[in-house]
Amino acid sequence: MKITFIASLAVTALSMSMALAQQPATQAPGSPPVSPPVSPPVSPPVSPPDLGLKVEVDPAAMAIVKAMSDKLAAAKSMSFTAFTIYESPDRTGLPLAYTTLSQVTVQRPDKLKVVSPGDGPRTEFYYDGKTVNAYEPAAKLVATVEAPDTIDAMLRAAFQRAAIYFPFTDLVVSDPMKMISENVQVAFVVGKSTVVGGVTTDIVVLVGKFAHVQLWIGSDDKLPRMARAIFLEDPARYRHTVQLSDWKIDPPLAADTFTFNAPADTIRIPFAPPGATEKGK
């Protein structure tokens, strides 16, 4: 749950928002778009507040989360769309909403494709079990590197090496339940909704040391439809949301779905964290 390229929908460090909140001002191909530069007031680091919560894990809540996790873990392939909304302070210190869209295709255990058409420059990420290509078409830039042979290991390595992260990692790893349930202190069922994702959903709250996460999970299909996180270390309590749609479980995939062929005029750059090239000049 703490792999920030491997960003989590989980409680300990729901990577979705943690990484969004820490995005740098410059961006490497394959990274989600960053928000425009702003000049927010600087707040000193704070420790997570003591909410006075004791461990209260409702088995009914965890059963809903486990059903979702089992459905995702059993899928040999899947595709979905992730629409992310996150808040960041503007020049007045009040929150603005920024958005990203990602079209995701997965084939377990060793293939992942993420196309992010906006906001910001379009980026494309390809992993074929051997190599990662992070590509920005408008700039004609690509970073290529050999990769580990599983999605889980690749996501870890991509973050450690290049600070690349996605806000839906807990959905595509091999064991979603392990990632999501780590360090949960409070879990409870809120109720049902009929307006999220166009289906009836069960609403569950998970609270850990660092984050409060609300999940909307399909009552019938057991698929995640939305996640909303607030990070307890953030004094402003900014909200980070991922809406998940267009789900396809075990769809047929073309043989070249995860293949990247660089155009002839593409410039190859190091696979490194955003800004690393500039700092090295």
C-alpha atoms as a PDB file:
ATOM      1  CA  MET A   1       0.000   0.000   0.000  1.00  0.00           C
ATOM      2  CA  LYS A   2       2.965   2.324   0.215  1.00  0.00           C
ATOM      3  CA  ILE A   3       4.266   2.084  -3.343  1.00  0.00           C
ATOM      4  CA  THR A   4       3.657   5.558  -4.634  1.00  0.00           C
ATOM      5  CA  PHE A   5       3.962   4.860  -8.360  1.00  0.00           C
ATOM      6  CA  ILE A   6       2.008   1.952  -7.157  1.00  0.00           C
ATOM      7  CA  ALA A   7      -0.451   4.343  -5.680  1.00  0.00           C
ATOM      8  CA  SER A   8      -3.016   2.775  -3.444  1.00  0.00           C
ATOM      9  CA  LEU A   9      -6.751   2.943  -3.041  1.00  0.00           C
ATOM     10  CA  ALA A  10      -5.993   1.704   0.397  1.00  0.00           C
ATOM     11  CA  VAL A  11      -5.849   3.076   3.849  1.00  0.00           C
ATOM     12  CA  THR A  12      -2.235   3.282   4.958  1.00  0.00           C
ATOM     13  CA  ALA A  13      -1.201   5.470   2.074  1.00  0.00           C
ATOM     14  CA  LEU A  14      -3.819   5.510  -0.613  1.00  0.00           C
ATOM     15  CA  SER A  15      -1.334   6.199  -3.291  1.00  0.00           C
ATOM     16  CA  MET A  16      -3.841   7.920  -5.431  1.00  0.00           C
ATOM     17  CA  SER A  17      -3.828  11.010  -3.366  1.00  0.00           C
ATOM     18  CA  MET A  18      -0.513  10.787  -1.646  1.00  0.00           C
ATOM     19  CA  ALA A  19       1.347  10.948  -4.915  1.00  0.00           C
ATOM     20  CA  LEU A  20      -0.980  13.554  -6.363  1.00  0.00           C
ATOM     21  CA  ALA A  21      -0.383  15.750  -3.369  1.00  0.00           C
ATOM     22  CA  GLN A  22       3.370  15.438  -3.875  1.00  0.00           C
ATOM     23  CA  GLN A  23       3.601  15.877  -7.654  1.00  0.00           C
ATOM     24  CA  PRO A  24       6.635  17.903  -8.760  1.00  0.00           C
ATOM     25  CA  ALA A  25       6.445  20.976 -11.001  1.00  0.00           C
ATOM     26  CA  THR A  26       8.131  19.193 -13.898  1.00  0.00           C
ATOM     27  CA  GLN A  27       7.015  15.949 -15.446  1.00  0.00           C
ATOM     28  CA  ALA A  28       8.507  12.918 -17.139  1.00  0.00           C
ATOM     29  CA  PRO A  29       6.765  10.966 -19.906  1.00  0.00           C
ATOM     30  CA  GLY A  30       4.298   8.487 -18.489  1.00  0.00           C
ATOM     31  CA  SER A  31       3.656  10.459 -15.317  1.00  0.00           C
ATOM     32  CA  PRO A  32       0.172  11.889 -14.716  1.00  0.00           C
ATOM     33  CA  PRO A  33      -0.219  15.588 -15.633  1.00  0.00           C
ATOM     34  CA  VAL A  34       0.763  17.990 -12.895  1.00  0.00           C
ATOM     35  CA  SER A  35      -1.143  21.020 -11.781  1.00  0.00           C
ATOM     36  CA  PRO A  36      -0.080  24.525 -12.859  1.00  0.00           C
ATOM     37  CA  PRO A  37       2.439  26.255 -10.588  1.00  0.00           C
ATOM     38  CA  VAL A  38       0.802  27.970  -7.655  1.00  0.00           C
ATOM     39  CA  SER A  39       1.999  29.862  -4.647  1.00  0.00           C
ATOM     40  CA  PRO A  40       0.218  28.354  -1.665  1.00  0.00           C
ATOM     41  CA  PRO A  41       0.971  29.307   1.891  1.00  0.00           C
ATOM     42  CA  VAL A  42       3.664  27.092   3.342  1.00  0.00           C
ATOM     43  CA  SER A  43       2.530  24.977   6.276  1.00  0.00           C
ATOM     44  CA  PRO A  44       5.025  23.199   8.543  1.00  0.00           C
ATOM     45  CA  PRO A  45       4.930  19.383   8.494  1.00  0.00           C
ATOM     46  CA  VAL A  46       2.543  17.943  11.029  1.00  0.00           C
ATOM     47  CA  SER A  47       2.169  14.555  12.611  1.00  0.00           C
ATOM     48  CA  PRO A  48      -0.993  12.565  11.975  1.00  0.00           C
ATOM     49  CA  PRO A  49      -3.613  13.670  14.502  1.00  0.00           C
ATOM     50  CA  ASP A  50      -4.665  11.342  17.253  1.00  0.00           C
ATOM     51  CA  LEU A  51      -8.304  10.783  16.430  1.00  0.00           C
ATOM     52  CA  GLY A  52      -8.817   8.779  19.579  1.00  0.00           C
ATOM     53  CA  LEU A  53      -9.930   5.831  17.485  1.00  0.00           C
ATOM     54  CA  LYS A  54      -9.649   2.324  18.759  1.00  0.00           C
ATOM     55  CA  VAL A  55      -9.498  -0.625  16.434  1.00  0.00           C
ATOM     56  CA  GLU A  56     -13.072  -1.216  15.284  1.00  0.00           C
ATOM     57  CA  VAL A  57     -13.169  -3.295  12.137  1.00  0.00           C
ATOM     58  CA  ASP A  58     -16.676  -4.270  11.080  1.00  0.00           C
ATOM     59  CA  PRO A  59     -16.565  -7.727   9.460  1.00  0.00           C
ATOM     60  CA  ALA A  60     -19.398  -6.685   7.129  1.00  0.00           C
ATOM     61  CA  ALA A  61     -17.293  -3.836   5.748  1.00  0.00           C
ATOM     62  CA  MET A  62     -14.269  -6.041   5.217  1.00  0.00           C
ATOM     63  CA  ALA A  63     -16.446  -8.688   3.546  1.00  0.00           C
ATOM     64  CA  ILE A  64     -17.511  -6.112   0.940  1.00  0.00           C
ATOM     65  CA  VAL A  65     -13.898  -5.084   0.355  1.00  0.00           C
ATOM     66  CA  LYS A  66     -12.796  -8.715   0.115  1.00  0.00           C
ATOM     67  CA  ALA A  67     -15.486  -9.513  -2.452  1.00  0.00           C
ATOM     68  CA  MET A  68     -14.211  -6.621  -4.576  1.00  0.00           C
ATOM     69  CA  SER A  69     -10.598  -7.707  -4.137  1.00  0.00           C
ATOM     70  CA  ASP A  70     -11.364 -11.323  -5.006  1.00  0.00           C
ATOM     71  CA  LYS A  71     -13.189 -10.246  -8.178  1.00  0.00           C
ATOM     72  CA  LEU A  72     -10.213  -8.172  -9.305  1.00  0.00           C
ATOM     73  CA  ALA A  73      -7.593 -10.738  -8.317  1.00  0.00           C
ATOM     74  CA  ALA A  74      -9.384 -13.474 -10.277  1.00  0.00           C
ATOM     75  CA  ALA A  75      -9.375 -11.450 -13.495  1.00  0.00           C
ATOM     76  CA  LYS A  76      -6.757 -12.583 -15.988  1.00  0.00           C
ATOM     77  CA  SER A  77      -7.272  -9.369 -17.919  1.00  0.00           C
ATOM     78  CA  MET A  78      -9.318  -6.212 -17.474  1.00  0.00           C
ATOM     79  CA  SER A  79      -9.767  -2.680 -18.693  1.00  0.00           C
ATOM     80  CA  PHE A  80     -11.321   0.414 -17.140  1.00  0.00           C
ATOM     81  CA  THR A  81     -11.246   4.210 -17.149  1.00  0.00           C
ATOM     82  CA  ALA A  82     -10.020   6.175 -14.127  1.00  0.00           C
ATOM     83  CA  PHE A  83     -11.076   9.813 -13.756  1.00  0.00           C
ATOM     84  CA  THR A  84      -9.114  11.460 -10.958  1.00  0.00           C
ATOM     85  CA  ILE A  85     -10.035  14.696  -9.211  1.00  0.00           C
ATOM     86  CA  TYR A  86      -7.638  16.139  -6.680  1.00  0.00           C
ATOM     87  CA  GLU A  87      -7.438  19.399  -4.800  1.00  0.00           C
ATOM     88  CA  SER A  88      -4.424  21.663  -4.539  1.00  0.00           C
ATOM     89  CA  PRO A  89      -4.243  25.196  -3.130  1.00  0.00           C
ATOM     90  CA  ASP A  90      -4.342  28.191  -5.436  1.00  0.00           C
ATOM     91  CA  ARG A  91      -2.609  31.512  -4.773  1.00  0.00           C
ATOM     92  CA  THR A  92      -5.202  32.348  -2.118  1.00  0.00           C
ATOM     93  CA  GLY A  93      -4.630  29.092  -0.281  1.00  0.00           C
ATOM     94  CA  LEU A  94      -8.096  27.791  -1.120  1.00  0.00           C
ATOM     95  CA  PRO A  95      -8.450  24.518  -3.045  1.00  0.00           C
ATOM     96  CA  LEU A  96      -8.733  24.209  -6.796  1.00  0.00           C
ATOM     97  CA  ALA A  97      -9.763  20.942  -8.441  1.00  0.00           C
ATOM     98  CA  TYR A  98      -7.427  19.359 -10.991  1.00  0.00           C
ATOM     99  CA  THR A  99      -8.293  16.349 -13.117  1.00  0.00           C
ATOM    100  CA  THR A 100      -6.626  13.502 -14.986  1.00  0.00           C
ATOM    101  CA  LEU A 101      -8.068  10.725 -17.120  1.00  0.00           C
ATOM    102  CA  SER A 102      -6.458   7.309 -17.585  1.00  0.00           C
ATOM    103  CA  GLN A 103      -7.505   4.463 -19.881  1.00  0.00           C
ATOM    104  CA  VAL A 104      -6.136   1.290 -18.332  1.00  0.00           C
ATOM    105  CA  THR A 105      -5.602  -2.191 -19.770  1.00  0.00           C
ATOM    106  CA  VAL A 106      -4.176  -5.050 -17.703  1.00  0.00           C
ATOM    107  CA  GLN A 107      -3.164  -8.622 -18.465  1.00  0.00           C
ATOM    108  CA  ARG A 108      -1.866 -10.546 -15.493  1.00  0.00           C
ATOM    109  CA  PRO A 109       0.744 -11.266 -14.443  1.00  0.00           C
ATOM    110  CA  ASP A 110       2.999  -9.127 -16.603  1.00  0.00           C
ATOM    111  CA  LYS A 111       1.339  -6.581 -18.891  1.00  0.00           C
ATOM    112  CA  LEU A 112      -0.013  -3.065 -18.353  1.00  0.00           C
ATOM    113  CA  LYS A 113      -0.961  -0.177 -20.621  1.00  0.00           C
ATOM    114  CA  VAL A 114      -2.057   3.257 -19.410  1.00  0.00           C
ATOM    115  CA  VAL A 115      -3.016   6.036 -21.795  1.00  0.00           C
ATOM    116  CA  SER A 116      -3.641   9.432 -20.170  1.00  0.00           C
ATOM    117  CA  PRO A 117      -5.066  11.894 -22.712  1.00  0.00           C
ATOM    118  CA  GLY A 118      -5.354  14.772 -20.234  1.00  0.00           C
ATOM    119  CA  ASP A 119      -5.483  17.079 -18.512  1.00  0.00           C
ATOM    120  CA  GLY A 120      -1.988  18.135 -19.482  1.00  0.00           C
ATOM    121  CA  PRO A 121       0.116  16.549 -22.236  1.00  0.00           C
ATOM    122  CA  ARG A 122      -1.010  13.117 -23.415  1.00  0.00           C
ATOM    123  CA  THR A 123       1.149  10.342 -21.969  1.00  0.00           C
ATOM    124  CA  GLU A 124       1.336   6.637 -22.752  1.00  0.00           C
ATOM    125  CA  PHE A 125       2.803   3.881 -20.617  1.00  0.00           C
ATOM    126  CA  TYR A 126       3.536   0.385 -21.929  1.00  0.00           C
ATOM    127  CA  TYR A 127       4.770  -2.651 -20.011  1.00  0.00           C
ATOM    128  CA  ASP A 128       5.089  -5.971 -21.853  1.00  0.00           C
ATOM    129  CA  GLY A 129       6.674  -8.134 -19.157  1.00  0.00           C
ATOM    130  CA  LYS A 130      10.219  -7.222 -20.144  1.00  0.00           C
ATOM    131  CA  THR A 131      10.368  -3.512 -20.924  1.00  0.00           C
ATOM    132  CA  VAL A 132       8.699  -0.286 -19.828  1.00  0.00           C
ATOM    133  CA  ASN A 133       8.187   2.561 -22.287  1.00  0.00           C
ATOM    134  CA  ALA A 134       6.946   5.933 -20.994  1.00  0.00           C
ATOM    135  CA  TYR A 135       6.023   8.085 -23.979  1.00  0.00           C
ATOM    136  CA  GLU A 136       4.881  11.687 -24.480  1.00  0.00           C
ATOM    137  CA  PRO A 137       3.733  12.049 -28.105  1.00  0.00           C
ATOM    138  CA  ALA A 138       3.574  15.853 -28.302  1.00  0.00           C
ATOM    139  CA  ALA A 139       7.154  16.247 -27.108  1.00  0.00           C
ATOM    140  CA  LYS A 140       8.270  13.154 -29.064  1.00  0.00           C
ATOM    141  CA  LEU A 141      10.010  11.829 -25.958  1.00  0.00           C
ATOM    142  CA  VAL A 142      10.257   8.253 -24.716  1.00  0.00           C
ATOM    143  CA  ALA A 143      12.026   6.708 -21.742  1.00  0.00           C
ATOM    144  CA  THR A 144      12.723   2.980 -22.022  1.00  0.00           C
ATOM    145  CA  VAL A 145      14.077   0.594 -19.418  1.00  0.00           C
ATOM    146  CA  GLU A 146      14.207  -3.138 -18.754  1.00  0.00           C
ATOM    147  CA  ALA A 147      11.618  -4.132 -16.170  1.00  0.00           C
ATOM    148  CA  PRO A 148      10.898  -6.942 -13.685  1.00  0.00           C
ATOM    149  CA  ASP A 149       8.677  -9.789 -14.839  1.00  0.00           C
ATOM    150  CA  THR A 150       5.499  -9.024 -12.834  1.00  0.00           C
ATOM    151  CA  ILE A 151       3.212  -6.009 -12.632  1.00  0.00           C
ATOM    152  CA  ASP A 152       3.741  -5.718  -8.872  1.00  0.00           C
ATOM    153  CA  ALA A 153       7.530  -5.657  -9.100  1.00  0.00           C
ATOM    154  CA  MET A 154       7.490  -3.387 -12.139  1.00  0.00           C
ATOM    155  CA  LEU A 155       5.326  -0.789 -10.413  1.00  0.00           C
ATOM    156  CA  ARG A 156       7.661  -0.723  -7.434  1.00  0.00           C
ATOM    157  CA  ALA A 157      10.709  -0.349  -9.657  1.00  0.00           C
ATOM    158  CA  ALA A 158       9.092   2.351 -11.804  1.00  0.00           C
ATOM    159  CA  PHE A 159       8.377   4.497  -8.779  1.00  0.00           C
ATOM    160  CA  GLN A 160      11.759   3.936  -7.191  1.00  0.00           C
ATOM    161  CA  ARG A 161      13.594   4.691 -10.406  1.00  0.00           C
ATOM    162  CA  ALA A 162      11.469   7.382 -12.063  1.00  0.00           C
ATOM    163  CA  ALA A 163       8.769   8.476  -9.582  1.00  0.00           C
ATOM    164  CA  ILE A 164       6.064   7.206 -11.946  1.00  0.00           C
ATOM    165  CA  TYR A 165       2.797   6.426 -10.204  1.00  0.00           C
ATOM    166  CA  PHE A 166      -0.838   5.714 -10.979  1.00  0.00           C
ATOM    167  CA  PRO A 167      -3.879   6.334  -8.748  1.00  0.00           C
ATOM    168  CA  PHE A 168      -5.406   2.878  -9.193  1.00  0.00           C
ATOM    169  CA  THR A 169      -2.527   0.563  -8.364  1.00  0.00           C
ATOM    170  CA  ASP A 170      -4.348  -1.388  -5.668  1.00  0.00           C
ATOM    171  CA  LEU A 171      -6.749  -2.556  -8.362  1.00  0.00           C
ATOM    172  CA  VAL A 172      -4.144  -4.052 -10.689  1.00  0.00           C
ATOM    173  CA  VAL A 173      -1.699  -5.710  -8.282  1.00  0.00           C
ATOM    174  CA  SER A 174      -1.895  -9.454  -7.702  1.00  0.00           C
ATOM    175  CA  ASP A 175      -3.340  -9.234  -4.169  1.00  0.00           C
ATOM    176  CA  PRO A 176      -5.600  -6.171  -3.817  1.00  0.00           C
ATOM    177  CA  MET A 177      -6.919  -7.253  -0.416  1.00  0.00           C
ATOM    178  CA  LYS A 178      -3.456  -7.314   1.112  1.00  0.00           C
ATOM    179  CA  MET A 179      -2.719  -3.801  -0.115  1.00  0.00           C
ATOM    180  CA  ILE A 180      -6.068  -2.354   0.889  1.00  0.00           C
ATOM    181  CA  SER A 181      -6.391  -3.929   4.332  1.00  0.00           C
ATOM    182  CA  GLU A 182      -2.890  -3.229   5.603  1.00  0.00           C
ATOM    183  CA  ASN A 183      -2.990  -1.292   8.880  1.00  0.00           C
ATOM    184  CA  VAL A 184      -6.741  -0.708   8.823  1.00  0.00           C
ATOM    185  CA  GLN A 185      -7.874   0.499  12.233  1.00  0.00           C
ATOM    186  CA  VAL A 186     -11.501   1.345  11.534  1.00  0.00           C
ATOM    187  CA  ALA A 187     -13.849  -0.107   8.930  1.00  0.00           C
ATOM    188  CA  PHE A 188     -17.596   0.321   8.700  1.00  0.00           C
ATOM    189  CA  VAL A 189     -20.482   0.244   6.240  1.00  0.00           C
ATOM    190  CA  VAL A 190     -22.154   3.585   5.519  1.00  0.00           C
ATOM    191  CA  GLY A 191     -25.043   2.293   3.423  1.00  0.00           C
ATOM    192  CA  LYS A 192     -25.960   2.091  -0.256  1.00  0.00           C
ATOM    193  CA  SER A 193     -26.026   4.483  -3.199  1.00  0.00           C
ATOM    194  CA  THR A 194     -27.870   4.266  -6.504  1.00  0.00           C
ATOM    195  CA  VAL A 195     -26.223   7.262  -8.188  1.00  0.00           C
ATOM    196  CA  VAL A 196     -22.510   6.375  -8.354  1.00  0.00           C
ATOM    197  CA  GLY A 197     -21.427   4.591 -11.503  1.00  0.00           C
ATOM    198  CA  GLY A 198     -25.000   4.029 -12.634  1.00  0.00           C
ATOM    199  CA  VAL A 199     -25.347   0.965 -10.402  1.00  0.00           C
ATOM    200  CA  THR A 200     -26.259   0.185  -6.807  1.00  0.00           C
ATOM    201  CA  THR A 201     -23.155   0.375  -4.651  1.00  0.00           C
ATOM    202  CA  ASP A 202     -22.197  -0.444  -1.075  1.00  0.00           C
ATOM    203  CA  ILE A 203     -20.398   2.425   0.651  1.00  0.00           C
ATOM    204  CA  VAL A 204     -17.550   1.457   2.969  1.00  0.00           C
ATOM    205  CA  VAL A 205     -15.167   3.590   5.022  1.00  0.00           C
ATOM    206  CA  LEU A 206     -11.642   2.462   5.879  1.00  0.00           C
ATOM    207  CA  VAL A 207      -9.466   4.466   8.257  1.00  0.00           C
ATOM    208  CA  GLY A 208      -5.784   3.921   8.913  1.00  0.00           C
ATOM    209  CA  LYS A 209      -2.983   5.902  10.482  1.00  0.00           C
ATOM    210  CA  PHE A 210      -2.654   8.313   7.581  1.00  0.00           C
ATOM    211  CA  ALA A 211      -5.873   8.309   5.567  1.00  0.00           C
ATOM    212  CA  HIS A 212      -9.642   8.205   5.675  1.00  0.00           C
ATOM    213  CA  VAL A 213     -10.940   6.435   2.547  1.00  0.00           C
ATOM    214  CA  GLN A 214     -14.525   6.091   1.380  1.00  0.00           C
ATOM    215  CA  LEU A 215     -15.215   3.402  -1.241  1.00  0.00           C
ATOM    216  CA  TRP A 216     -18.233   2.809  -3.451  1.00  0.00           C
ATOM    217  CA  ILE A 217     -18.314  -0.866  -4.536  1.00  0.00           C
ATOM    218  CA  GLY A 218     -20.898  -2.425  -6.847  1.00  0.00           C
ATOM    219  CA  SER A 219     -23.413  -4.412  -4.817  1.00  0.00           C
ATOM    220  CA  ASP A 220     -23.900  -6.955  -7.587  1.00  0.00           C
ATOM    221  CA  ASP A 221     -20.783  -6.863  -9.760  1.00  0.00           C
ATOM    222  CA  LYS A 222     -18.369  -6.192  -6.835  1.00  0.00           C
ATOM    223  CA  LEU A 223     -16.398  -3.683  -8.912  1.00  0.00           C
ATOM    224  CA  PRO A 224     -15.022  -0.449  -7.416  1.00  0.00           C
ATOM    225  CA  ARG A 225     -16.841   2.606  -8.747  1.00  0.00           C
ATOM    226  CA  MET A 226     -15.358   5.447  -6.739  1.00  0.00           C
ATOM    227  CA  ALA A 227     -12.823   6.122  -3.999  1.00  0.00           C
ATOM    228  CA  ARG A 228     -12.469   9.331  -2.000  1.00  0.00           C
ATOM    229  CA  ALA A 229      -9.545   9.975   0.332  1.00  0.00           C
ATOM    230  CA  ILE A 230      -8.600  12.564   2.918  1.00  0.00           C
ATOM    231  CA  PHE A 231      -5.082  12.446   4.317  1.00  0.00           C
ATOM    232  CA  LEU A 232      -4.871  13.013   8.031  1.00  0.00           C
ATOM    233  CA  GLU A 233      -1.432  14.641   7.855  1.00  0.00           C
ATOM    234  CA  ASP A 234      -2.851  17.334   5.561  1.00  0.00           C
ATOM    235  CA  PRO A 235      -4.051  20.243   7.741  1.00  0.00           C
ATOM    236  CA  ALA A 236      -6.251  21.508   4.887  1.00  0.00           C
ATOM    237  CA  ARG A 237      -7.974  18.102   4.537  1.00  0.00           C
ATOM    238  CA  TYR A 238      -7.936  18.330   0.763  1.00  0.00           C
ATOM    239  CA  ARG A 239      -9.985  15.654  -0.979  1.00  0.00           C
ATOM    240  CA  HIS A 240      -8.781  13.242  -3.663  1.00  0.00           C
ATOM    241  CA  THR A 241     -11.250  11.229  -5.704  1.00  0.00           C
ATOM    242  CA  VAL A 242     -11.014   8.511  -8.355  1.00  0.00           C
ATOM    243  CA  GLN A 243     -14.094   7.546 -10.371  1.00  0.00           C
ATOM    244  CA  LEU A 244     -13.853   4.179 -12.135  1.00  0.00           C
ATOM    245  CA  SER A 245     -15.952   3.264 -15.151  1.00  0.00           C
ATOM    246  CA  ASP A 246     -16.089   1.295 -18.423  1.00  0.00           C
ATOM    247  CA  TRP A 247     -15.185  -1.923 -16.643  1.00  0.00           C
ATOM    248  CA  LYS A 248     -14.456  -4.992 -18.748  1.00  0.00           C
ATOM    249  CA  ILE A 249     -13.359  -8.191 -16.983  1.00  0.00           C
ATOM    250  CA  ASP A 250     -11.414 -10.766 -19.028  1.00  0.00           C
ATOM    251  CA  PRO A 251     -11.943  -9.006 -22.359  1.00  0.00           C
ATOM    252  CA  PRO A 252     -10.245 -10.405 -25.472  1.00  0.00           C
ATOM    253  CA  LEU A 253      -7.066  -8.404 -26.143  1.00  0.00           C
ATOM    254  CA  ALA A 254      -5.148  -8.026 -29.377  1.00  0.00           C
ATOM    255  CA  ALA A 255      -1.656  -9.502 -29.406  1.00  0.00           C
ATOM    256  CA  ASP A 256      -0.084  -6.069 -29.870  1.00  0.00           C
ATOM    257  CA  THR A 257      -2.055  -4.297 -27.122  1.00  0.00           C
ATOM    258  CA  PHE A 258       1.014  -3.828 -24.940  1.00  0.00           C
ATOM    259  CA  THR A 259       3.551  -3.296 -27.728  1.00  0.00           C
ATOM    260  CA  PHE A 260       5.139   0.118 -28.202  1.00  0.00           C
ATOM    261  CA  ASN A 261       6.712   1.064 -31.514  1.00  0.00           C
ATOM    262  CA  ALA A 262       8.483   4.406 -31.318  1.00  0.00           C
ATOM    263  CA  PRO A 263       8.025   6.755 -34.293  1.00  0.00           C
ATOM    264  CA  ALA A 264      11.223   7.428 -36.214  1.00  0.00           C
ATOM    265  CA  ASP A 265      11.656  10.971 -34.868  1.00  0.00           C
ATOM    266  CA  THR A 266      11.211  10.013 -31.199  1.00  0.00           C
ATOM    267  CA  ILE A 267      13.909  11.270 -28.821  1.00  0.00           C
ATOM    268  CA  ARG A 268      15.059   8.820 -26.170  1.00  0.00           C
ATOM    269  CA  ILE A 269      15.684  10.183 -22.692  1.00  0.00           C
ATOM    270  CA  PRO A 270      16.851   8.582 -19.423  1.00  0.00           C
ATOM    271  CA  PHE A 271      14.303   6.721 -17.319  1.00  0.00           C
ATOM    272  CA  ALA A 272      14.655   8.987 -14.287  1.00  0.00           C
ATOM    273  CA  PRO A 273      12.570  11.028 -11.844  1.00  0.00           C
ATOM    274  CA  PRO A 274      10.941  14.237 -13.171  1.00  0.00           C
ATOM    275  CA  GLY A 275      13.450  17.091 -13.136  1.00  0.00           C
ATOM    276  CA  ALA A 276      16.469  14.811 -12.767  1.00  0.00           C
ATOM    277  CA  THR A 277      17.813  15.702 -16.228  1.00  0.00           C
ATOM    278  CA  GLU A 278      17.579  19.421 -15.534  1.00  0.00           C
ATOM    279  CA  LYS A 279      19.272  19.049 -12.170  1.00  0.00           C
ATOM    280  CA  GLY A 280      22.110  17.159 -13.770  1.00  0.00           C
ATOM    281  CA  LYS A 281      22.903  19.935 -16.235  1.00  0.00           C
END
